Protein backbone atom coordinates (compact mmCIF):
# COMPACT_ATOMS: atom_id res chain seq x y z
CA MET A 1 0.00 0.00 0.00
CA PRO A 2 1.56 3.33 -1.01
CA ASP A 3 2.21 6.02 1.57
CA THR A 4 4.05 9.30 1.51
CA VAL A 5 7.48 9.83 3.03
CA SER A 6 9.17 13.21 2.59
CA GLY A 7 6.76 14.12 -0.21
CA ARG A 8 7.66 11.05 -2.27
CA ALA A 9 5.42 8.10 -2.89
CA SER A 10 6.83 4.89 -1.46
CA ARG A 11 5.62 1.35 -1.32
CA SER A 12 5.97 -1.08 1.56
CA LEU A 13 8.04 -4.23 1.09
CA SER A 14 7.05 -7.85 1.54
CA VAL A 15 9.32 -9.99 3.68
CA GLY A 16 10.76 -11.55 0.51
CA GLU A 17 11.47 -8.14 -1.00
CA LEU A 18 13.11 -6.94 2.21
CA ALA A 19 15.21 -10.10 2.31
CA ALA A 20 16.30 -9.69 -1.32
CA ARG A 21 17.09 -5.97 -0.94
CA SER A 22 18.93 -6.33 2.40
CA GLY A 23 20.75 -9.60 1.71
CA VAL A 24 19.34 -11.07 4.93
CA SER A 25 17.35 -14.30 5.00
CA VAL A 26 13.62 -14.29 5.60
CA SER A 27 14.12 -16.34 8.77
CA SER A 28 16.60 -13.74 10.09
CA LEU A 29 14.09 -10.96 9.40
CA HIS A 30 11.42 -12.88 11.32
CA PHE A 31 13.93 -13.36 14.15
CA TYR A 32 14.79 -9.64 14.19
CA GLU A 33 11.10 -8.87 14.37
CA THR A 34 10.52 -11.22 17.32
CA LYS A 35 13.42 -9.49 19.10
CA GLY A 36 11.88 -6.06 18.47
CA LEU A 37 14.65 -4.85 16.16
CA ILE A 38 12.38 -4.25 13.17
CA ALA A 39 8.62 -3.92 12.81
CA SER A 40 6.03 -4.77 10.22
CA THR A 41 2.38 -4.19 9.61
CA ARG A 42 -0.05 -6.83 8.39
CA THR A 43 -2.23 -6.81 5.32
CA SER A 44 -5.84 -7.94 5.40
CA GLY A 45 -4.48 -11.32 4.25
CA ASN A 46 -2.12 -11.36 7.30
CA GLN A 47 1.04 -10.88 5.23
CA ARG A 48 3.90 -8.88 6.69
CA ARG A 49 4.72 -5.51 5.12
CA TYR A 50 7.79 -3.47 5.99
CA GLY A 51 8.38 0.21 5.51
CA ARG A 52 11.43 1.13 3.47
CA ASP A 53 13.02 2.52 6.63
CA MET A 54 13.52 -1.09 7.69
CA LEU A 55 16.17 -1.47 4.96
CA ARG A 56 18.46 0.95 6.78
CA ARG A 57 17.61 -0.58 10.16
CA VAL A 58 18.56 -4.02 8.89
CA ALA A 59 21.83 -2.57 7.56
CA VAL A 60 22.58 -1.05 10.98
CA ILE A 61 21.77 -4.37 12.67
CA ARG A 62 24.06 -6.33 10.36
CA VAL A 63 27.00 -3.94 10.75
CA ALA A 64 26.59 -3.90 14.53
CA GLN A 65 26.40 -7.71 14.61
CA ARG A 66 29.59 -7.96 12.56
CA ALA A 67 31.25 -5.71 15.13
CA GLY A 68 30.13 -8.14 17.84
CA VAL A 69 27.49 -5.95 19.42
CA PRO A 70 24.90 -8.12 21.25
CA LEU A 71 21.35 -7.96 19.91
CA ALA A 72 20.06 -6.55 23.21
CA GLU A 73 22.41 -3.56 22.85
CA ILE A 74 21.42 -3.11 19.21
CA ARG A 75 17.77 -3.09 20.21
CA GLY A 76 18.40 -0.52 22.93
CA ALA A 77 20.17 1.73 20.46
CA LEU A 78 17.45 1.37 17.84
CA ASP A 79 14.75 1.96 20.46
CA ALA A 80 16.32 5.36 21.11
CA LEU A 81 15.60 6.38 17.51
CA PRO A 82 12.27 7.97 16.60
CA SER A 83 10.04 5.20 15.32
CA ARG A 84 9.26 4.91 11.63
CA ARG A 85 12.17 7.18 10.70
CA THR A 86 15.09 5.97 8.67
CA PRO A 87 18.32 6.15 10.69
CA ASN A 88 20.55 8.83 9.21
CA ALA A 89 24.29 9.56 9.34
CA ALA A 90 23.99 11.44 12.64
CA ASP A 91 22.08 8.52 14.16
CA TRP A 92 24.76 6.09 12.98
CA ALA A 93 27.55 8.30 14.38
CA ARG A 94 25.84 8.35 17.77
CA LEU A 95 25.14 4.60 17.76
CA SER A 96 28.61 3.57 16.60
CA ALA A 97 30.34 5.90 19.07
CA GLY A 98 28.61 4.08 21.88
CA TRP A 99 29.89 0.73 20.60
CA LYS A 100 33.51 1.72 19.90
CA ALA A 101 34.79 1.45 23.48
CA ALA A 102 33.35 -2.03 23.90
CA LEU A 103 34.80 -3.06 20.53
CA GLU A 104 38.25 -1.72 21.49
CA ALA A 105 38.12 -3.65 24.78
CA ARG A 106 37.11 -6.83 22.95
CA ILE A 107 39.95 -6.35 20.44
CA ALA A 108 42.45 -5.93 23.31
CA SER A 109 41.10 -9.04 25.04
CA LEU A 110 41.26 -11.11 21.84
CA THR A 111 44.78 -9.88 21.09
CA SER A 112 45.86 -10.93 24.58
CA LEU A 113 44.16 -14.29 24.15
CA LYS A 114 45.91 -14.80 20.80
CA GLU A 115 49.29 -14.05 22.36
CA GLN A 116 48.62 -16.43 25.27
CA LEU A 117 47.51 -19.19 22.93
CA ASP A 118 50.67 -18.83 20.86
CA ALA A 119 52.81 -19.20 24.01
CA CYS A 120 50.81 -22.14 25.28
CA ILE A 121 50.85 -24.00 21.98
CA GLY A 122 54.58 -23.32 21.71
CA CYS A 123 55.42 -25.46 24.76
CA GLY A 124 53.77 -28.54 23.27
CA CYS A 125 52.23 -29.86 26.48
CA LEU A 126 48.69 -28.51 25.94
CA SER A 127 47.92 -29.40 29.57
CA LEU A 128 44.98 -27.52 31.01
CA THR A 129 45.81 -28.50 34.59
CA ASP A 130 49.60 -28.42 34.84
CA CYS A 131 51.07 -26.07 32.24
CA PRO A 132 54.55 -25.00 33.38
CA LEU A 133 54.14 -21.63 31.61
CA ARG A 134 50.55 -20.62 32.42
CA ASN A 135 49.76 -22.62 35.59
CA PRO A 136 52.92 -23.99 37.26
CA GLY A 137 52.13 -26.63 39.86
CA ASP A 138 48.40 -26.33 39.05
CA ALA A 139 48.24 -23.30 41.37
CA LEU A 140 44.91 -22.22 39.90
CA ALA A 141 43.08 -25.45 40.81
CA LYS A 142 41.93 -23.89 44.11
CA ASP A 143 39.89 -21.36 42.07
CA GLY A 144 37.81 -24.09 40.45
CA PRO A 145 37.56 -25.45 36.92
CA GLY A 146 37.98 -23.47 33.73
CA ALA A 147 40.46 -21.04 32.24
CA ARG A 148 41.49 -18.30 34.64
CA LEU A 149 44.38 -16.54 32.96
CA LEU A 150 42.70 -16.05 29.60
CA GLU A 151 40.03 -13.73 31.02
CA GLY A 152 40.61 -10.34 32.51
């Protein structure tokens, strides 16, 4: 059904059209909708219809997911946007700025993990309980099971 956005006629998209235009599967779009990330209306025949603004929202979701942002955080950020308005460059700058610190921390943590794995693999023992480099004498056993030195 046509509506008017910014003085231009636009047409809503079916779930298949949104999937084709966004490069995201229909099942992912349904999932995003159940998580409150995107919204649709229903036709009299109960078919989903999406506004064209959902194309940009899906793009924001996909970029944020690739950066490792959890869906709950993506939803919170999108909820802060005025509904039914296409996110613009200023919106994206605000959203991405909020995610940069977490991304930098995750990069630092993964870099540290990579360096620790290289050292551990280098010794050849691959022992999780008695590694002479990472856990001499199994000193970490008192703290319980699981990796202790790889986090934090």
